[in-house]
Amino acid sequence: MTQIYCLECKNKVSARARTCPHCACPIDESTVAAAVAAASKAQARETAHTKFKSMQLISAVSLGLSMLVLSSTPHEIGNGMWVALAITGLAGLSYASIGTWCKRH
C-alpha cells in the first residue's frame, strides 16, 4: 500500500484515502498521482546514487592496488604476478572511471 503525505498537516496518509484522517483535508487523484510519481523518482535517484557510490568504491580500490603494485619492484612480488596485478588494477581503475563518467553524463 502506497502512502503519501497530506498537503495540510504533512502526516502520512494512504493513497487510497479520500480525506486525511488527521485533518480531514480532501485528497484528490491528481495529488495522489503527483505524490506517487515523486516517490518513484526519488527511488530511481537513490538507486542511481547507490550505483555511483559502488563505482567510486571500485575506482578507489583499483587505484590503491595500482599504486601498491607500481610502487614496488617486480622482484618483490614476482615478475609475472607484478604485471598481472598492474594490469588488473589499471583495468579496474579505467572501468570504474569510465563507468562513473557515463553515469554522471
PDB file of N, CA and C in Angstrom:
ATOM      1  N   MET A   1       0.850  -1.175   0.000  1.00  0.00           N
ATOM      2  CA  MET A   1       0.000   0.000   0.000  1.00  0.00           C
ATOM      3  C   MET A   1       0.895   1.238   0.000  1.00  0.00           C
ATOM      4  N   THR A   2       0.657   2.124  -0.926  1.00  0.00           N
ATOM      5  CA  THR A   2       1.430   3.346  -1.048  1.00  0.00           C
ATOM      6  C   THR A   2       0.916   4.387  -0.071  1.00  0.00           C
ATOM      7  N   GLN A   3       1.848   5.077   0.555  1.00  0.00           N
ATOM      8  CA  GLN A   3       1.470   6.150   1.458  1.00  0.00           C
ATOM      9  C   GLN A   3       2.015   7.462   0.923  1.00  0.00           C
ATOM     10  N   ILE A   4       1.229   8.502   1.093  1.00  0.00           N
ATOM     11  CA  ILE A   4       1.625   9.842   0.671  1.00  0.00           C
ATOM     12  C   ILE A   4       1.544  10.753   1.889  1.00  0.00           C
ATOM     13  N   TYR A   5       1.977  11.981   1.722  1.00  0.00           N
ATOM     14  CA  TYR A   5       1.898  12.948   2.807  1.00  0.00           C
ATOM     15  C   TYR A   5       0.779  13.936   2.521  1.00  0.00           C
ATOM     16  N   CYS A   6       0.011  14.239   3.552  1.00  0.00           N
ATOM     17  CA  CYS A   6      -1.073  15.212   3.441  1.00  0.00           C
ATOM     18  C   CYS A   6      -0.474  16.587   3.170  1.00  0.00           C
ATOM     19  N   LEU A   7      -1.110  17.342   2.286  1.00  0.00           N
ATOM     20  CA  LEU A   7      -0.614  18.669   1.947  1.00  0.00           C
ATOM     21  C   LEU A   7      -0.793  19.669   3.087  1.00  0.00           C
ATOM     22  N   GLU A   8      -1.782  19.447   3.939  1.00  0.00           N
ATOM     23  CA  GLU A   8      -2.066  20.376   5.033  1.00  0.00           C
ATOM     24  C   GLU A   8      -1.250  20.074   6.288  1.00  0.00           C
ATOM     25  N   CYS A   9      -1.383  18.840   6.812  1.00  0.00           N
ATOM     26  CA  CYS A   9      -0.767  18.512   8.106  1.00  0.00           C
ATOM     27  C   CYS A   9       0.550  17.749   7.984  1.00  0.00           C
ATOM     28  N   LYS A  10       0.908  17.327   6.774  1.00  0.00           N
ATOM     29  CA  LYS A  10       2.168  16.625   6.483  1.00  0.00           C
ATOM     30  C   LYS A  10       2.284  15.249   7.143  1.00  0.00           C
ATOM     31  N   ASN A  11       1.164  14.663   7.562  1.00  0.00           N
ATOM     32  CA  ASN A  11       1.163  13.304   8.106  1.00  0.00           C
ATOM     33  C   ASN A  11       1.003  12.293   6.979  1.00  0.00           C
ATOM     34  N   LYS A  12       1.435  11.058   7.237  1.00  0.00           N
ATOM     35  CA  LYS A  12       1.282  10.005   6.233  1.00  0.00           C
ATOM     36  C   LYS A  12      -0.182   9.598   6.123  1.00  0.00           C
ATOM     37  N   VAL A  13      -0.605   9.412   4.863  1.00  0.00           N
ATOM     38  CA  VAL A  13      -1.980   9.033   4.564  1.00  0.00           C
ATOM     39  C   VAL A  13      -1.935   7.965   3.482  1.00  0.00           C
ATOM     40  N   SER A  14      -2.854   7.021   3.543  1.00  0.00           N
ATOM     41  CA  SER A  14      -2.951   6.011   2.498  1.00  0.00           C
ATOM     42  C   SER A  14      -3.298   6.681   1.173  1.00  0.00           C
ATOM     43  N   ALA A  15      -2.727   6.173   0.096  1.00  0.00           N
ATOM     44  CA  ALA A  15      -3.015   6.739  -1.226  1.00  0.00           C
ATOM     45  C   ALA A  15      -4.457   6.470  -1.639  1.00  0.00           C
ATOM     46  N   ARG A  16      -5.092   5.525  -0.993  1.00  0.00           N
ATOM     47  CA  ARG A  16      -6.493   5.193  -1.311  1.00  0.00           C
ATOM     48  C   ARG A  16      -7.498   6.055  -0.555  1.00  0.00           C
ATOM     49  N   ALA A  17      -7.044   6.787   0.450  1.00  0.00           N
ATOM     50  CA  ALA A  17      -7.956   7.593   1.263  1.00  0.00           C
ATOM     51  C   ALA A  17      -8.470   8.786   0.465  1.00  0.00           C
ATOM     52  N   ARG A  18      -9.695   9.169   0.729  1.00  0.00           N
ATOM     53  CA  ARG A  18     -10.297  10.335   0.071  1.00  0.00           C
ATOM     54  C   ARG A  18     -10.064  11.610   0.876  1.00  0.00           C
ATOM     55  N   THR A  19      -9.909  11.455   2.197  1.00  0.00           N
ATOM     56  CA  THR A  19      -9.604  12.586   3.070  1.00  0.00           C
ATOM     57  C   THR A  19      -8.531  12.165   4.059  1.00  0.00           C
ATOM     58  N   CYS A  20      -7.826  13.132   4.586  1.00  0.00           N
ATOM     59  CA  CYS A  20      -6.798  12.863   5.589  1.00  0.00           C
ATOM     60  C   CYS A  20      -7.489  12.518   6.907  1.00  0.00           C
ATOM     61  N   PRO A  21      -7.123  11.405   7.548  1.00  0.00           N
ATOM     62  CA  PRO A  21      -7.756  11.053   8.815  1.00  0.00           C
ATOM     63  C   PRO A  21      -7.331  11.974   9.960  1.00  0.00           C
ATOM     64  N   HIS A  22      -6.285  12.760   9.776  1.00  0.00           N
ATOM     65  CA  HIS A  22      -5.787  13.626  10.839  1.00  0.00           C
ATOM     66  C   HIS A  22      -6.411  15.016  10.804  1.00  0.00           C
ATOM     67  N   CYS A  23      -6.553  15.578   9.593  1.00  0.00           N
ATOM     68  CA  CYS A  23      -7.052  16.953   9.493  1.00  0.00           C
ATOM     69  C   CYS A  23      -8.281  17.086   8.594  1.00  0.00           C
ATOM     70  N   ALA A  24      -8.730  15.997   8.000  1.00  0.00           N
ATOM     71  CA  ALA A  24      -9.911  15.954   7.129  1.00  0.00           C
ATOM     72  C   ALA A  24      -9.728  16.740   5.832  1.00  0.00           C
ATOM     73  N   CYS A  25      -8.514  16.994   5.444  1.00  0.00           N
ATOM     74  CA  CYS A  25      -8.241  17.674   4.178  1.00  0.00           C
ATOM     75  C   CYS A  25      -8.584  16.722   3.032  1.00  0.00           C
ATOM     76  N   PRO A  26      -9.319  17.176   2.026  1.00  0.00           N
ATOM     77  CA  PRO A  26      -9.639  16.288   0.905  1.00  0.00           C
ATOM     78  C   PRO A  26      -8.392  15.966   0.074  1.00  0.00           C
ATOM     79  N   ILE A  27      -8.324  14.720  -0.384  1.00  0.00           N
ATOM     80  CA  ILE A  27      -7.199  14.267  -1.200  1.00  0.00           C
ATOM     81  C   ILE A  27      -7.759  13.881  -2.559  1.00  0.00           C
ATOM     82  N   ASP A  28      -7.363  14.619  -3.602  1.00  0.00           N
ATOM     83  CA  ASP A  28      -7.859  14.303  -4.941  1.00  0.00           C
ATOM     84  C   ASP A  28      -6.861  13.407  -5.676  1.00  0.00           C
ATOM     85  N   GLU A  29      -7.291  12.879  -6.803  1.00  0.00           N
ATOM     86  CA  GLU A  29      -6.471  11.917  -7.549  1.00  0.00           C
ATOM     87  C   GLU A  29      -5.209  12.551  -8.122  1.00  0.00           C
ATOM     88  N   SER A  30      -5.260  13.817  -8.477  1.00  0.00           N
ATOM     89  CA  SER A  30      -4.057  14.466  -9.020  1.00  0.00           C
ATOM     90  C   SER A  30      -2.968  14.579  -7.953  1.00  0.00           C
ATOM     91  N   THR A  31      -3.382  14.807  -6.704  1.00  0.00           N
ATOM     92  CA  THR A  31      -2.421  14.857  -5.603  1.00  0.00           C
ATOM     93  C   THR A  31      -1.768  13.502  -5.407  1.00  0.00           C
ATOM     94  N   VAL A  32      -2.570  12.439  -5.455  1.00  0.00           N
ATOM     95  CA  VAL A  32      -2.053  11.078  -5.296  1.00  0.00           C
ATOM     96  C   VAL A  32      -1.097  10.741  -6.435  1.00  0.00           C
ATOM     97  N   ALA A  33      -1.487  11.069  -7.669  1.00  0.00           N
ATOM     98  CA  ALA A  33      -0.636  10.765  -8.822  1.00  0.00           C
ATOM     99  C   ALA A  33       0.696  11.507  -8.733  1.00  0.00           C
ATOM    100  N   ALA A  34       0.660  12.769  -8.328  1.00  0.00           N
ATOM    101  CA  ALA A  34       1.895  13.547  -8.198  1.00  0.00           C
ATOM    102  C   ALA A  34       2.785  12.985  -7.094  1.00  0.00           C
ATOM    103  N   ALA A  35       2.186  12.572  -5.983  1.00  0.00           N
ATOM    104  CA  ALA A  35       2.967  12.022  -4.875  1.00  0.00           C
ATOM    105  C   ALA A  35       3.591  10.685  -5.238  1.00  0.00           C
ATOM    106  N   VAL A  36       2.850   9.840  -5.936  1.00  0.00           N
ATOM    107  CA  VAL A  36       3.383   8.538  -6.359  1.00  0.00           C
ATOM    108  C   VAL A  36       4.506   8.732  -7.373  1.00  0.00           C
ATOM    109  N   ALA A  37       4.344   9.680  -8.297  1.00  0.00           N
ATOM    110  CA  ALA A  37       5.395   9.960  -9.280  1.00  0.00           C
ATOM    111  C   ALA A  37       6.653  10.492  -8.596  1.00  0.00           C
ATOM    112  N   ALA A  38       6.480  11.359  -7.613  1.00  0.00           N
ATOM    113  CA  ALA A  38       7.634  11.894  -6.882  1.00  0.00           C
ATOM    114  C   ALA A  38       8.344  10.796  -6.100  1.00  0.00           C
ATOM    115  N   ALA A  39       7.573   9.878  -5.525  1.00  0.00           N
ATOM    116  CA  ALA A  39       8.179   8.776  -4.772  1.00  0.00           C
ATOM    117  C   ALA A  39       8.974   7.852  -5.686  1.00  0.00           C
ATOM    118  N   SER A  40       8.443   7.559  -6.869  1.00  0.00           N
ATOM    119  CA  SER A  40       9.174   6.687  -7.791  1.00  0.00           C
ATOM    120  C   SER A  40      10.414   7.389  -8.338  1.00  0.00           C
ATOM    121  N   LYS A  41      10.340   8.699  -8.536  1.00  0.00           N
ATOM    122  CA  LYS A  41      11.507   9.459  -8.993  1.00  0.00           C
ATOM    123  C   LYS A  41      12.591   9.472  -7.913  1.00  0.00           C
ATOM    124  N   ALA A  42      12.185   9.616  -6.664  1.00  0.00           N
ATOM    125  CA  ALA A  42      13.148   9.593  -5.561  1.00  0.00           C
ATOM    126  C   ALA A  42      13.804   8.227  -5.443  1.00  0.00           C
ATOM    127  N   GLN A  43      13.030   7.167  -5.655  1.00  0.00           N
ATOM    128  CA  GLN A  43      13.578   5.813  -5.611  1.00  0.00           C
ATOM    129  C   GLN A  43      14.596   5.614  -6.732  1.00  0.00           C
ATOM    130  N   ALA A  44      14.310   6.104  -7.922  1.00  0.00           N
ATOM    131  CA  ALA A  44      15.242   5.988  -9.046  1.00  0.00           C
ATOM    132  C   ALA A  44      16.519   6.772  -8.773  1.00  0.00           C
ATOM    133  N   ARG A  45      16.376   7.941  -8.171  1.00  0.00           N
ATOM    134  CA  ARG A  45      17.542   8.757  -7.834  1.00  0.00           C
ATOM    135  C   ARG A  45      18.410   8.051  -6.789  1.00  0.00           C
ATOM    136  N   GLU A  46      17.784   7.408  -5.811  1.00  0.00           N
ATOM    137  CA  GLU A  46      18.521   6.673  -4.779  1.00  0.00           C
ATOM    138  C   GLU A  46      19.260   5.485  -5.381  1.00  0.00           C
ATOM    139  N   THR A  47      18.639   4.792  -6.326  1.00  0.00           N
ATOM    140  CA  THR A  47      19.288   3.662  -6.995  1.00  0.00           C
ATOM    141  C   THR A  47      20.500   4.140  -7.789  1.00  0.00           C
ATOM    142  N   ALA A  48      20.361   5.244  -8.507  1.00  0.00           N
ATOM    143  CA  ALA A  48      21.483   5.791  -9.274  1.00  0.00           C
ATOM    144  C   ALA A  48      22.611   6.224  -8.347  1.00  0.00           C
ATOM    145  N   HIS A  49      22.256   6.799  -7.197  1.00  0.00           N
ATOM    146  CA  HIS A  49      23.264   7.228  -6.232  1.00  0.00           C
ATOM    147  C   HIS A  49      24.038   6.031  -5.688  1.00  0.00           C
ATOM    148  N   THR A  50      23.342   4.926  -5.418  1.00  0.00           N
ATOM    149  CA  THR A  50      23.992   3.717  -4.920  1.00  0.00           C
ATOM    150  C   THR A  50      24.945   3.154  -5.963  1.00  0.00           C
ATOM    151  N   LYS A  51      24.531   3.134  -7.225  1.00  0.00           N
ATOM    152  CA  LYS A  51      25.402   2.642  -8.291  1.00  0.00           C
ATOM    153  C   LYS A  51      26.632   3.530  -8.433  1.00  0.00           C
ATOM    154  N   PHE A  52      26.444   4.837  -8.325  1.00  0.00           N
ATOM    155  CA  PHE A  52      27.569   5.761  -8.420  1.00  0.00           C
ATOM    156  C   PHE A  52      28.553   5.518  -7.284  1.00  0.00           C
ATOM    157  N   LYS A  53      28.048   5.298  -6.074  1.00  0.00           N
ATOM    158  CA  LYS A  53      28.915   5.044  -4.927  1.00  0.00           C
ATOM    159  C   LYS A  53      29.692   3.749  -5.106  1.00  0.00           C
ATOM    160  N   SER A  54      29.066   2.714  -5.667  1.00  0.00           N
ATOM    161  CA  SER A  54      29.783   1.457  -5.876  1.00  0.00           C
ATOM    162  C   SER A  54      30.881   1.637  -6.918  1.00  0.00           C
ATOM    163  N   MET A  55      30.645   2.438  -7.945  1.00  0.00           N
ATOM    164  CA  MET A  55      31.681   2.712  -8.934  1.00  0.00           C
ATOM    165  C   MET A  55      32.833   3.488  -8.298  1.00  0.00           C
ATOM    166  N   GLN A  56      32.524   4.397  -7.392  1.00  0.00           N
ATOM    167  CA  GLN A  56      33.579   5.124  -6.697  1.00  0.00           C
ATOM    168  C   GLN A  56      34.420   4.172  -5.848  1.00  0.00           C
ATOM    169  N   LEU A  57      33.778   3.215  -5.199  1.00  0.00           N
ATOM    170  CA  LEU A  57      34.499   2.243  -4.385  1.00  0.00           C
ATOM    171  C   LEU A  57      35.423   1.390  -5.246  1.00  0.00           C
ATOM    172  N   ILE A  58      34.914   0.904  -6.378  1.00  0.00           N
ATOM    173  CA  ILE A  58      35.744   0.110  -7.296  1.00  0.00           C
ATOM    174  C   ILE A  58      36.927   0.943  -7.772  1.00  0.00           C
ATOM    175  N   SER A  59      36.681   2.200  -8.078  1.00  0.00           N
ATOM    176  CA  SER A  59      37.743   3.082  -8.546  1.00  0.00           C
ATOM    177  C   SER A  59      38.807   3.279  -7.470  1.00  0.00           C
ATOM    178  N   ALA A  60      38.394   3.490  -6.235  1.00  0.00           N
ATOM    179  CA  ALA A  60      39.352   3.703  -5.150  1.00  0.00           C
ATOM    180  C   ALA A  60      40.186   2.456  -4.879  1.00  0.00           C
ATOM    181  N   VAL A  61      39.545   1.288  -4.864  1.00  0.00           N
ATOM    182  CA  VAL A  61      40.274   0.041  -4.633  1.00  0.00           C
ATOM    183  C   VAL A  61      41.254  -0.218  -5.772  1.00  0.00           C
ATOM    184  N   SER A  62      40.813  -0.004  -6.988  1.00  0.00           N
ATOM    185  CA  SER A  62      41.695  -0.212  -8.142  1.00  0.00           C
ATOM    186  C   SER A  62      42.874   0.751  -8.121  1.00  0.00           C
ATOM    187  N   LEU A  63      42.617   1.986  -7.752  1.00  0.00           N
ATOM    188  CA  LEU A  63      43.697   2.965  -7.662  1.00  0.00           C
ATOM    189  C   LEU A  63      44.701   2.557  -6.590  1.00  0.00           C
ATOM    190  N   GLY A  64      44.193   2.116  -5.449  1.00  0.00           N
ATOM    191  CA  GLY A  64      45.081   1.658  -4.382  1.00  0.00           C
ATOM    192  C   GLY A  64      45.921   0.471  -4.806  1.00  0.00           C
ATOM    193  N   LEU A  65      45.293  -0.490  -5.473  1.00  0.00           N
ATOM    194  CA  LEU A  65      46.021  -1.662  -5.963  1.00  0.00           C
ATOM    195  C   LEU A  65      47.076  -1.252  -6.987  1.00  0.00           C
ATOM    196  N   SER A  66      46.711  -0.357  -7.873  1.00  0.00           N
ATOM    197  CA  SER A  66      47.665   0.113  -8.883  1.00  0.00           C
ATOM    198  C   SER A  66      48.851   0.822  -8.239  1.00  0.00           C
ATOM    199  N   MET A  67      48.575   1.689  -7.277  1.00  0.00           N
ATOM    200  CA  MET A  67      49.659   2.413  -6.612  1.00  0.00           C
ATOM    201  C   MET A  67      50.565   1.460  -5.834  1.00  0.00           C
ATOM    202  N   LEU A  68      49.973   0.471  -5.181  1.00  0.00           N
ATOM    203  CA  LEU A  68      50.760  -0.505  -4.431  1.00  0.00           C
ATOM    204  C   LEU A  68      51.681  -1.281  -5.355  1.00  0.00           C
ATOM    205  N   VAL A  69      51.137  -1.744  -6.461  1.00  0.00           N
ATOM    206  CA  VAL A  69      51.927  -2.540  -7.398  1.00  0.00           C
ATOM    207  C   VAL A  69      52.993  -1.685  -8.070  1.00  0.00           C
ATOM    208  N   LEU A  70      52.617  -0.501  -8.501  1.00  0.00           N
ATOM    209  CA  LEU A  70      53.570   0.335  -9.228  1.00  0.00           C
ATOM    210  C   LEU A  70      54.655   0.920  -8.321  1.00  0.00           C
ATOM    211  N   SER A  71      54.390   0.990  -7.013  1.00  0.00           N
ATOM    212  CA  SER A  71      55.417   1.493  -6.103  1.00  0.00           C
ATOM    213  C   SER A  71      56.404   0.407  -5.692  1.00  0.00           C
ATOM    214  N   SER A  72      56.090  -0.844  -5.955  1.00  0.00           N
ATOM    215  CA  SER A  72      57.007  -1.938  -5.640  1.00  0.00           C
ATOM    216  C   SER A  72      57.815  -2.293  -6.886  1.00  0.00           C
ATOM    217  N   THR A  73      58.772  -3.163  -6.697  1.00  0.00           N
ATOM    218  CA  THR A  73      59.583  -3.607  -7.832  1.00  0.00           C
ATOM    219  C   THR A  73      59.125  -4.992  -8.253  1.00  0.00           C
ATOM    220  N   PRO A  74      59.364  -5.365  -9.493  1.00  0.00           N
ATOM    221  CA  PRO A  74      58.957  -6.698  -9.950  1.00  0.00           C
ATOM    222  C   PRO A  74      59.609  -7.826  -9.148  1.00  0.00           C
ATOM    223  N   HIS A  75      60.792  -7.576  -8.579  1.00  0.00           N
ATOM    224  CA  HIS A  75      61.478  -8.618  -7.820  1.00  0.00           C
ATOM    225  C   HIS A  75      60.805  -8.874  -6.474  1.00  0.00           C
ATOM    226  N   GLU A  76      60.135  -7.861  -5.894  1.00  0.00           N
ATOM    227  CA  GLU A  76      59.467  -8.027  -4.604  1.00  0.00           C
ATOM    228  C   GLU A  76      58.232  -8.910  -4.720  1.00  0.00           C
ATOM    229  N   ILE A  77      57.508  -8.795  -5.800  1.00  0.00           N
ATOM    230  CA  ILE A  77      56.255  -9.533  -5.967  1.00  0.00           C
ATOM    231  C   ILE A  77      56.447 -10.768  -6.824  1.00  0.00           C
ATOM    232  N   GLY A  78      57.315 -10.715  -7.753  1.00  0.00           N
ATOM    233  CA  GLY A  78      57.465 -11.783  -8.742  1.00  0.00           C
ATOM    234  C   GLY A  78      57.097 -11.188 -10.085  1.00  0.00           C
ATOM    235  N   ASN A  79      57.893 -11.427 -11.077  1.00  0.00           N
ATOM    236  CA  ASN A  79      57.750 -10.746 -12.358  1.00  0.00           C
ATOM    237  C   ASN A  79      56.369 -10.914 -12.985  1.00  0.00           C
ATOM    238  N   GLY A  80      55.890 -12.148 -13.119  1.00  0.00           N
ATOM    239  CA  GLY A  80      54.596 -12.392 -13.759  1.00  0.00           C
ATOM    240  C   GLY A  80      53.439 -11.852 -12.944  1.00  0.00           C
ATOM    241  N   MET A  81      53.513 -12.006 -11.617  1.00  0.00           N
ATOM    242  CA  MET A  81      52.441 -11.534 -10.743  1.00  0.00           C
ATOM    243  C   MET A  81      52.383 -10.009 -10.734  1.00  0.00           C
ATOM    244  N   TRP A  82      53.527  -9.350 -10.802  1.00  0.00           N
ATOM    245  CA  TRP A  82      53.572  -7.898 -10.807  1.00  0.00           C
ATOM    246  C   TRP A  82      52.845  -7.347 -12.026  1.00  0.00           C
ATOM    247  N   VAL A  83      53.103  -7.925 -13.170  1.00  0.00           N
ATOM    248  CA  VAL A  83      52.452  -7.480 -14.411  1.00  0.00           C
ATOM    249  C   VAL A  83      50.952  -7.738 -14.340  1.00  0.00           C
ATOM    250  N   ALA A  84      50.560  -8.909 -13.841  1.00  0.00           N
ATOM    251  CA  ALA A  84      49.136  -9.249 -13.745  1.00  0.00           C
ATOM    252  C   ALA A  84      48.408  -8.299 -12.801  1.00  0.00           C
ATOM    253  N   LEU A  85      48.996  -8.004 -11.646  1.00  0.00           N
ATOM    254  CA  LEU A  85      48.364  -7.084 -10.702  1.00  0.00           C
ATOM    255  C   LEU A  85      48.300  -5.664 -11.259  1.00  0.00           C
ATOM    256  N   ALA A  86      49.340  -5.244 -11.941  1.00  0.00           N
ATOM    257  CA  ALA A  86      49.341  -3.898 -12.525  1.00  0.00           C
ATOM    258  C   ALA A  86      48.254  -3.765 -13.583  1.00  0.00           C
ATOM    259  N   ILE A  87      48.147  -4.757 -14.438  1.00  0.00           N
ATOM    260  CA  ILE A  87      47.122  -4.714 -15.490  1.00  0.00           C
ATOM    261  C   ILE A  87      45.729  -4.777 -14.883  1.00  0.00           C
ATOM    262  N   THR A  88      45.538  -5.643 -13.886  1.00  0.00           N
ATOM    263  CA  THR A  88      44.232  -5.753 -13.230  1.00  0.00           C
ATOM    264  C   THR A  88      43.848  -4.438 -12.561  1.00  0.00           C
ATOM    265  N   GLY A  89      44.770  -3.832 -11.840  1.00  0.00           N
ATOM    266  CA  GLY A  89      44.485  -2.568 -11.167  1.00  0.00           C
ATOM    267  C   GLY A  89      44.166  -1.449 -12.134  1.00  0.00           C
ATOM    268  N   LEU A  90      44.956  -1.334 -13.168  1.00  0.00           N
ATOM    269  CA  LEU A  90      44.716  -0.270 -14.151  1.00  0.00           C
ATOM    270  C   LEU A  90      43.435  -0.501 -14.947  1.00  0.00           C
ATOM    271  N   ALA A  91      43.139  -1.767 -15.257  1.00  0.00           N
ATOM    272  CA  ALA A  91      41.886  -2.070 -15.964  1.00  0.00           C
ATOM    273  C   ALA A  91      40.685  -1.755 -15.082  1.00  0.00           C
ATOM    274  N   GLY A  92      40.767  -2.116 -13.802  1.00  0.00           N
ATOM    275  CA  GLY A  92      39.676  -1.799 -12.874  1.00  0.00           C
ATOM    276  C   GLY A  92      39.489  -0.310 -12.711  1.00  0.00           C
ATOM    277  N   LEU A  93      40.587   0.411 -12.614  1.00  0.00           N
ATOM    278  CA  LEU A  93      40.517   1.863 -12.494  1.00  0.00           C
ATOM    279  C   LEU A  93      39.892   2.488 -13.739  1.00  0.00           C
ATOM    280  N   SER A  94      40.299   2.021 -14.900  1.00  0.00           N
ATOM    281  CA  SER A  94      39.736   2.535 -16.152  1.00  0.00           C
ATOM    282  C   SER A  94      38.249   2.233 -16.249  1.00  0.00           C
ATOM    283  N   TYR A  95      37.863   0.996 -15.921  1.00  0.00           N
ATOM    284  CA  TYR A  95      36.455   0.597 -15.972  1.00  0.00           C
ATOM    285  C   TYR A  95      35.615   1.458 -15.039  1.00  0.00           C
ATOM    286  N   ALA A  96      36.076   1.619 -13.804  1.00  0.00           N
ATOM    287  CA  ALA A  96      35.308   2.389 -12.833  1.00  0.00           C
ATOM    288  C   ALA A  96      35.244   3.863 -13.220  1.00  0.00           C
ATOM    289  N   SER A  97      36.326   4.407 -13.727  1.00  0.00           N
ATOM    290  CA  SER A  97      36.330   5.820 -14.117  1.00  0.00           C
ATOM    291  C   SER A  97      35.389   6.076 -15.289  1.00  0.00           C
ATOM    292  N   ILE A  98      35.442   5.217 -16.281  1.00  0.00           N
ATOM    293  CA  ILE A  98      34.551   5.368 -17.435  1.00  0.00           C
ATOM    294  C   ILE A  98      33.101   5.140 -17.017  1.00  0.00           C
ATOM    295  N   GLY A  99      32.864   4.135 -16.189  1.00  0.00           N
ATOM    296  CA  GLY A  99      31.508   3.864 -15.717  1.00  0.00           C
ATOM    297  C   GLY A  99      30.948   5.013 -14.908  1.00  0.00           C
ATOM    298  N   THR A 100      31.767   5.593 -14.037  1.00  0.00           N
ATOM    299  CA  THR A 100      31.332   6.729 -13.235  1.00  0.00           C
ATOM    300  C   THR A 100      31.034   7.928 -14.127  1.00  0.00           C
ATOM    301  N   TRP A 101      31.887   8.185 -15.098  1.00  0.00           N
ATOM    302  CA  TRP A 101      31.662   9.300 -16.010  1.00  0.00           C
ATOM    303  C   TRP A 101      30.371   9.104 -16.798  1.00  0.00           C
ATOM    304  N   CYS A 102      30.129   7.877 -17.276  1.00  0.00           N
ATOM    305  CA  CYS A 102      28.915   7.598 -18.057  1.00  0.00           C
ATOM    306  C   CYS A 102      27.657   7.766 -17.217  1.00  0.00           C
ATOM    307  N   LYS A 103      27.711   7.388 -15.947  1.00  0.00           N
ATOM    308  CA  LYS A 103      26.540   7.531 -15.079  1.00  0.00           C
ATOM    309  C   LYS A 103      26.227   8.989 -14.800  1.00  0.00           C
ATOM    310  N   ARG A 104      27.258   9.829 -14.771  1.00  0.00           N
ATOM    311  CA  ARG A 104      27.052  11.240 -14.479  1.00  0.00           C
ATOM    312  C   ARG A 104      26.571  12.022 -15.696  1.00  0.00           C
ATOM    313  N   HIS A 105      26.864  11.547 -16.897  1.00  0.00           N
ATOM    314  CA  HIS A 105      26.512  12.276 -18.115  1.00  0.00           C
ATOM    315  C   HIS A 105      25.502  11.495 -18.839  1.00  0.00           C
TER     316      HIS A 105
END
